[in-house]
PDB file of N, CA and C in Angstrom:
ATOM      1  N   MET A   1       0.806  -1.344   0.059  1.00  0.00           N
ATOM      2  CA  MET A   1       0.030  -0.193   0.023  1.00  0.00           C
ATOM      3  C   MET A   1       0.736   1.219  -0.069  1.00  0.00           C
ATOM      4  N   ALA A   2       0.431   2.058  -0.887  1.00  0.00           N
ATOM      5  CA  ALA A   2       1.410   3.553  -1.006  1.00  0.00           C
ATOM      6  C   ALA A   2       1.152   4.444   0.213  1.00  0.00           C
ATOM      7  N   THR A   3       2.273   5.039   0.420  1.00  0.00           N
ATOM      8  CA  THR A   3       1.615   6.079   1.706  1.00  0.00           C
ATOM      9  C   THR A   3       1.276   7.438   0.802  1.00  0.00           C
ATOM     10  N   PRO A   4       0.278   8.113   1.765  1.00  0.00           N
ATOM     11  CA  PRO A   4      -0.151   9.390   1.058  1.00  0.00           C
ATOM     12  C   PRO A   4       0.977  10.484   0.848  1.00  0.00           C
ATOM     13  N   GLN A   5       0.880  11.319   0.098  1.00  0.00           N
ATOM     14  CA  GLN A   5       1.823  12.315  -0.375  1.00  0.00           C
ATOM     15  C   GLN A   5       1.154  13.696   0.530  1.00  0.00           C
ATOM     16  N   LEU A   6       2.110  14.511   1.293  1.00  0.00           N
ATOM     17  CA  LEU A   6       2.049  15.436   2.393  1.00  0.00           C
ATOM     18  C   LEU A   6       2.599  16.779   1.547  1.00  0.00           C
ATOM     19  N   ALA A   7       1.828  17.001   0.137  1.00  0.00           N
ATOM     20  CA  ALA A   7       2.333  18.250  -0.459  1.00  0.00           C
ATOM     21  C   ALA A   7       2.244  19.466   0.036  1.00  0.00           C
ATOM     22  N   GLY A   8       1.012  19.417   0.871  1.00  0.00           N
ATOM     23  CA  GLY A   8       0.984  20.806   1.531  1.00  0.00           C
ATOM     24  C   GLY A   8       1.492  21.177   2.848  1.00  0.00           C
ATOM     25  N   LEU A   9       2.344  20.482   3.463  1.00  0.00           N
ATOM     26  CA  LEU A   9       3.077  20.539   4.749  1.00  0.00           C
ATOM     27  C   LEU A   9       4.497  20.670   4.603  1.00  0.00           C
ATOM     28  N   ARG A  10       4.886  20.789   3.475  1.00  0.00           N
ATOM     29  CA  ARG A  10       6.283  21.254   3.219  1.00  0.00           C
ATOM     30  C   ARG A  10       6.901  22.421   3.831  1.00  0.00           C
ATOM     31  N   THR A  11       7.636  22.687   4.321  1.00  0.00           N
ATOM     32  CA  THR A  11       8.343  24.262   4.925  1.00  0.00           C
ATOM     33  C   THR A  11       9.098  24.797   3.586  1.00  0.00           C
ATOM     34  N   PRO A  12       9.286  26.064   3.774  1.00  0.00           N
ATOM     35  CA  PRO A  12       9.868  26.799   2.594  1.00  0.00           C
ATOM     36  C   PRO A  12      11.292  26.742   2.660  1.00  0.00           C
ATOM     37  N   ALA A  13      11.986  26.642   1.722  1.00  0.00           N
ATOM     38  CA  ALA A  13      13.487  26.554   1.669  1.00  0.00           C
ATOM     39  C   ALA A  13      13.890  27.701   2.417  1.00  0.00           C
ATOM     40  N   ARG A  14      15.067  27.740   3.020  1.00  0.00           N
ATOM     41  CA  ARG A  14      15.584  28.799   3.909  1.00  0.00           C
ATOM     42  C   ARG A  14      16.650  29.419   2.888  1.00  0.00           C
ATOM     43  N   ALA A  15      17.054  30.700   3.124  1.00  0.00           N
ATOM     44  CA  ALA A  15      17.920  31.535   2.273  1.00  0.00           C
ATOM     45  C   ALA A  15      19.410  31.052   2.991  1.00  0.00           C
ATOM     46  N   PRO A  16      20.260  30.935   2.348  1.00  0.00           N
ATOM     47  CA  PRO A  16      21.698  30.659   2.716  1.00  0.00           C
ATOM     48  C   PRO A  16      22.153  31.652   3.559  1.00  0.00           C
ATOM     49  N   LEU A  17      22.878  31.330   4.583  1.00  0.00           N
ATOM     50  CA  LEU A  17      23.596  32.550   5.608  1.00  0.00           C
ATOM     51  C   LEU A  17      24.513  33.171   4.671  1.00  0.00           C
ATOM     52  N   PRO A  18      24.706  34.284   4.908  1.00  0.00           N
ATOM     53  CA  PRO A  18      25.979  35.243   4.253  1.00  0.00           C
ATOM     54  C   PRO A  18      27.212  34.685   4.699  1.00  0.00           C
ATOM     55  N   PRO A  19      28.276  34.572   4.187  1.00  0.00           N
ATOM     56  CA  PRO A  19      29.613  34.335   4.805  1.00  0.00           C
ATOM     57  C   PRO A  19      30.019  35.088   5.534  1.00  0.00           C
ATOM     58  N   ALA A  20      30.736  34.396   6.649  1.00  0.00           N
ATOM     59  CA  ALA A  20      31.412  35.128   7.894  1.00  0.00           C
ATOM     60  C   ALA A  20      32.296  36.254   7.200  1.00  0.00           C
ATOM     61  N   PRO A  21      32.534  37.497   7.536  1.00  0.00           N
ATOM     62  CA  PRO A  21      33.730  38.319   7.075  1.00  0.00           C
ATOM     63  C   PRO A  21      35.129  37.894   7.495  1.00  0.00           C
ATOM     64  N   LYS A  22      35.751  37.792   6.421  1.00  0.00           N
ATOM     65  CA  LYS A  22      37.309  37.087   6.811  1.00  0.00           C
ATOM     66  C   LYS A  22      38.310  38.265   7.237  1.00  0.00           C
ATOM     67  N   THR A  23      38.115  39.549   6.567  1.00  0.00           N
ATOM     68  CA  THR A  23      38.873  40.634   7.054  1.00  0.00           C
ATOM     69  C   THR A  23      38.084  41.811   7.428  1.00  0.00           C
ATOM     70  N   ALA A  24      38.445  42.528   8.089  1.00  0.00           N
ATOM     71  CA  ALA A  24      37.787  43.894   8.496  1.00  0.00           C
ATOM     72  C   ALA A  24      39.004  45.000   8.276  1.00  0.00           C
ATOM     73  N   PHE A  25      38.240  46.148   8.530  1.00  0.00           N
ATOM     74  CA  PHE A  25      39.140  47.561   8.399  1.00  0.00           C
ATOM     75  C   PHE A  25      39.505  47.702   9.923  1.00  0.00           C
ATOM     76  N   CYS A  26      40.707  48.528   9.946  1.00  0.00           N
ATOM     77  CA  CYS A  26      41.203  48.690  11.157  1.00  0.00           C
ATOM     78  C   CYS A  26      40.461  49.945  11.862  1.00  0.00           C
ATOM     79  N   HIS A  27      40.392  49.928  13.241  1.00  0.00           N
ATOM     80  CA  HIS A  27      39.539  50.840  13.766  1.00  0.00           C
ATOM     81  C   HIS A  27      40.358  51.983  14.446  1.00  0.00           C
ATOM     82  N   HIS A  28      41.245  52.248  13.784  1.00  0.00           N
ATOM     83  CA  HIS A  28      42.113  53.458  14.647  1.00  0.00           C
ATOM     84  C   HIS A  28      41.875  54.497  13.780  1.00  0.00           C
ATOM     85  N   GLN A  29      41.726  55.515  14.451  1.00  0.00           N
ATOM     86  CA  GLN A  29      41.167  56.804  13.852  1.00  0.00           C
ATOM     87  C   GLN A  29      42.243  57.874  13.994  1.00  0.00           C
ATOM     88  N   HIS A  30      42.565  58.528  12.934  1.00  0.00           N
ATOM     89  CA  HIS A  30      43.750  59.499  12.701  1.00  0.00           C
ATOM     90  C   HIS A  30      43.248  60.635  13.347  1.00  0.00           C
ATOM     91  N   ARG A  31      44.208  61.678  13.619  1.00  0.00           N
ATOM     92  CA  ARG A  31      43.841  63.038  14.387  1.00  0.00           C
ATOM     93  C   ARG A  31      42.968  63.723  13.407  1.00  0.00           C
ATOM     94  N   ASP A  32      43.027  63.508  12.077  1.00  0.00           N
ATOM     95  CA  ASP A  32      41.967  64.241  11.213  1.00  0.00           C
ATOM     96  C   ASP A  32      40.584  63.478  11.217  1.00  0.00           C
ATOM     97  N   GLY A  33      40.371  62.683  11.839  1.00  0.00           N
ATOM     98  CA  GLY A  33      38.958  61.973  11.858  1.00  0.00           C
ATOM     99  C   GLY A  33      38.927  60.632  10.934  1.00  0.00           C
ATOM    100  N   GLN A  34      39.918  60.473   9.875  1.00  0.00           N
ATOM    101  CA  GLN A  34      39.740  59.318   9.072  1.00  0.00           C
ATOM    102  C   GLN A  34      40.213  58.050   9.747  1.00  0.00           C
ATOM    103  N   PHE A  35      39.623  56.907   9.272  1.00  0.00           N
ATOM    104  CA  PHE A  35      40.026  55.743  10.059  1.00  0.00           C
ATOM    105  C   PHE A  35      41.120  55.154   9.028  1.00  0.00           C
ATOM    106  N   CYS A  36      41.951  54.256   9.858  1.00  0.00           N
ATOM    107  CA  CYS A  36      43.098  53.374   8.921  1.00  0.00           C
ATOM    108  C   CYS A  36      42.237  52.819   7.982  1.00  0.00           C
ATOM    109  N   ASN A  37      42.833  52.400   6.741  1.00  0.00           N
ATOM    110  CA  ASN A  37      42.194  51.424   5.677  1.00  0.00           C
ATOM    111  C   ASN A  37      42.793  50.251   5.432  1.00  0.00           C
ATOM    112  N   ARG A  38      43.704  50.038   6.305  1.00  0.00           N
ATOM    113  CA  ARG A  38      44.599  48.790   6.485  1.00  0.00           C
ATOM    114  C   ARG A  38      43.667  47.472   6.754  1.00  0.00           C
ATOM    115  N   SER A  39      43.598  46.239   6.370  1.00  0.00           N
ATOM    116  CA  SER A  39      42.886  45.286   6.757  1.00  0.00           C
ATOM    117  C   SER A  39      43.315  44.724   8.034  1.00  0.00           C
ATOM    118  N   ALA A  40      42.282  43.956   8.821  1.00  0.00           N
ATOM    119  CA  ALA A  40      42.434  43.626  10.141  1.00  0.00           C
ATOM    120  C   ALA A  40      41.715  42.394  10.328  1.00  0.00           C
ATOM    121  N   HIS A  41      42.151  41.503  11.250  1.00  0.00           N
ATOM    122  CA  HIS A  41      41.642  40.414  11.676  1.00  0.00           C
ATOM    123  C   HIS A  41      40.399  40.829  12.490  1.00  0.00           C
ATOM    124  N   PRO A  42      39.095  40.311  12.159  1.00  0.00           N
ATOM    125  CA  PRO A  42      37.971  40.661  12.997  1.00  0.00           C
ATOM    126  C   PRO A  42      38.208  40.716  14.408  1.00  0.00           C
ATOM    127  N   GLU A  43      38.782  39.780  14.871  1.00  0.00           N
ATOM    128  CA  GLU A  43      38.594  39.509  16.368  1.00  0.00           C
ATOM    129  C   GLU A  43      39.747  40.366  16.952  1.00  0.00           C
ATOM    130  N   LEU A  44      40.684  41.260  16.169  1.00  0.00           N
ATOM    131  CA  LEU A  44      41.712  42.025  17.092  1.00  0.00           C
ATOM    132  C   LEU A  44      41.337  43.479  16.637  1.00  0.00           C
ATOM    133  N   ARG A  45      40.388  43.652  15.719  1.00  0.00           N
ATOM    134  CA  ARG A  45      39.851  45.070  15.330  1.00  0.00           C
ATOM    135  C   ARG A  45      40.892  46.271  14.798  1.00  0.00           C
ATOM    136  N   TYR A  46      42.258  45.629  14.890  1.00  0.00           N
ATOM    137  CA  TYR A  46      43.329  46.947  14.593  1.00  0.00           C
ATOM    138  C   TYR A  46      44.133  46.100  13.791  1.00  0.00           C
ATOM    139  N   CYS A  47      44.893  46.872  12.856  1.00  0.00           N
ATOM    140  CA  CYS A  47      46.020  46.296  11.898  1.00  0.00           C
ATOM    141  C   CYS A  47      47.028  45.923  12.575  1.00  0.00           C
ATOM    142  N   PHE A  48      47.937  45.462  12.068  1.00  0.00           N
ATOM    143  CA  PHE A  48      49.352  45.082  12.454  1.00  0.00           C
ATOM    144  C   PHE A  48      49.991  46.418  13.253  1.00  0.00           C
ATOM    145  N   TRP A  49      50.062  47.370  12.526  1.00  0.00           N
ATOM    146  CA  TRP A  49      50.626  48.565  12.787  1.00  0.00           C
ATOM    147  C   TRP A  49      50.049  49.293  14.193  1.00  0.00           C
ATOM    148  N   HIS A  50      48.662  49.301  14.178  1.00  0.00           N
ATOM    149  CA  HIS A  50      48.130  50.121  15.400  1.00  0.00           C
ATOM    150  C   HIS A  50      47.700  48.972  16.725  1.00  0.00           C
ATOM    151  N   LEU A  51      48.162  47.791  16.609  1.00  0.00           N
ATOM    152  CA  LEU A  51      48.051  47.128  17.936  1.00  0.00           C
ATOM    153  C   LEU A  51      48.766  47.596  18.912  1.00  0.00           C
ATOM    154  N   PRO A  52      48.495  47.351  20.158  1.00  0.00           N
ATOM    155  CA  PRO A  52      49.245  47.987  21.247  1.00  0.00           C
ATOM    156  C   PRO A  52      50.588  47.260  21.890  1.00  0.00           C
ATOM    157  N   SER A  53      50.722  45.845  21.594  1.00  0.00           N
ATOM    158  CA  SER A  53      51.967  45.271  22.098  1.00  0.00           C
ATOM    159  C   SER A  53      52.483  44.318  20.959  1.00  0.00           C
ATOM    160  N   ILE A  54      53.598  43.867  21.290  1.00  0.00           N
ATOM    161  CA  ILE A  54      54.367  43.044  20.526  1.00  0.00           C
ATOM    162  C   ILE A  54      53.839  41.689  20.134  1.00  0.00           C
ATOM    163  N   PRO A  55      53.553  41.018  21.542  1.00  0.00           N
ATOM    164  CA  PRO A  55      52.847  39.883  21.318  1.00  0.00           C
ATOM    165  C   PRO A  55      51.353  39.643  20.520  1.00  0.00           C
ATOM    166  N   LYS A  56      50.609  40.626  20.409  1.00  0.00           N
ATOM    167  CA  LYS A  56      49.400  40.936  19.754  1.00  0.00           C
ATOM    168  C   LYS A  56      49.942  41.017  18.169  1.00  0.00           C
ATOM    169  N   LYS A  57      50.968  41.714  17.959  1.00  0.00           N
ATOM    170  CA  LYS A  57      51.409  41.710  16.709  1.00  0.00           C
ATOM    171  C   LYS A  57      51.696  40.725  16.026  1.00  0.00           C
ATOM    172  N   ILE A  58      52.337  39.723  16.793  1.00  0.00           N
ATOM    173  CA  ILE A  58      52.816  38.511  16.296  1.00  0.00           C
ATOM    174  C   ILE A  58      51.741  37.588  16.047  1.00  0.00           C
ATOM    175  N   VAL A  59      50.673  37.611  16.966  1.00  0.00           N
ATOM    176  CA  VAL A  59      49.436  36.636  16.822  1.00  0.00           C
ATOM    177  C   VAL A  59      48.665  37.199  15.360  1.00  0.00           C
ATOM    178  N   SER A  60      48.797  38.437  15.244  1.00  0.00           N
ATOM    179  CA  SER A  60      48.022  39.258  14.087  1.00  0.00           C
ATOM    180  C   SER A  60      48.689  38.694  12.928  1.00  0.00           C
ATOM    181  N   LEU A  61      49.914  38.940  12.719  1.00  0.00           N
ATOM    182  CA  LEU A  61      50.765  38.100  11.611  1.00  0.00           C
ATOM    183  C   LEU A  61      50.214  36.812  11.161  1.00  0.00           C
ATOM    184  N   PHE A  62      50.328  36.035  12.375  1.00  0.00           N
ATOM    185  CA  PHE A  62      49.793  34.326  12.089  1.00  0.00           C
ATOM    186  C   PHE A  62      48.553  34.299  11.584  1.00  0.00           C
ATOM    187  N   ARG A  63      47.580  35.094  12.169  1.00  0.00           N
ATOM    188  CA  ARG A  63      46.063  34.959  12.006  1.00  0.00           C
ATOM    189  C   ARG A  63      45.985  35.401  10.373  1.00  0.00           C
ATOM    190  N   SER A  64      46.646  36.292  10.247  1.00  0.00           N
ATOM    191  CA  SER A  64      46.587  36.857   8.462  1.00  0.00           C
ATOM    192  C   SER A  64      47.337  35.895   7.910  1.00  0.00           C
ATOM    193  N   ALA A  65      48.317  35.283   8.044  1.00  0.00           N
ATOM    194  CA  ALA A  65      48.958  34.371   7.109  1.00  0.00           C
ATOM    195  C   ALA A  65      48.136  33.292   7.198  1.00  0.00           C
ATOM    196  N   TRP A  66      47.552  32.717   8.224  1.00  0.00           N
ATOM    197  CA  TRP A  66      46.958  31.621   8.379  1.00  0.00           C
ATOM    198  C   TRP A  66      45.426  31.688   7.377  1.00  0.00           C
ATOM    199  N   LEU A  67      44.768  32.808   7.507  1.00  0.00           N
ATOM    200  CA  LEU A  67      43.709  33.134   6.442  1.00  0.00           C
ATOM    201  C   LEU A  67      44.045  33.346   5.085  1.00  0.00           C
ATOM    202  N   PHE A  68      45.281  33.930   4.796  1.00  0.00           N
ATOM    203  CA  PHE A  68      45.931  33.937   3.353  1.00  0.00           C
ATOM    204  C   PHE A  68      45.942  32.624   2.782  1.00  0.00           C
ATOM    205  N   LEU A  69      46.620  31.634   3.551  1.00  0.00           N
ATOM    206  CA  LEU A  69      47.023  30.264   3.119  1.00  0.00           C
ATOM    207  C   LEU A  69      45.676  29.425   2.991  1.00  0.00           C
ATOM    208  N   PHE A  70      44.897  29.370   4.340  1.00  0.00           N
ATOM    209  CA  PHE A  70      43.945  28.325   4.255  1.00  0.00           C
ATOM    210  C   PHE A  70      42.813  28.799   4.391  1.00  0.00           C
ATOM    211  N   GLY A  71      42.233  30.301   4.313  1.00  0.00           N
ATOM    212  CA  GLY A  71      40.999  30.718   4.319  1.00  0.00           C
ATOM    213  C   GLY A  71      40.153  30.693   3.168  1.00  0.00           C
TER     214      GLY A  71
END
């Protein structure tokens, strides 16, 4: 015996989620009010040149290299 078709009970297809941003812009603001236009890792918010400490700069370089090679 065949099973009945449930044509009217289907849920509509969902739109795919937009891809997560892989790079962002630096949030450093210059004296004239313009922001730095260099790319930065989204978790760090600042580019390599505007990060406050040397260990954070090293982490930024490795994350950028990782995204470049495997992202």
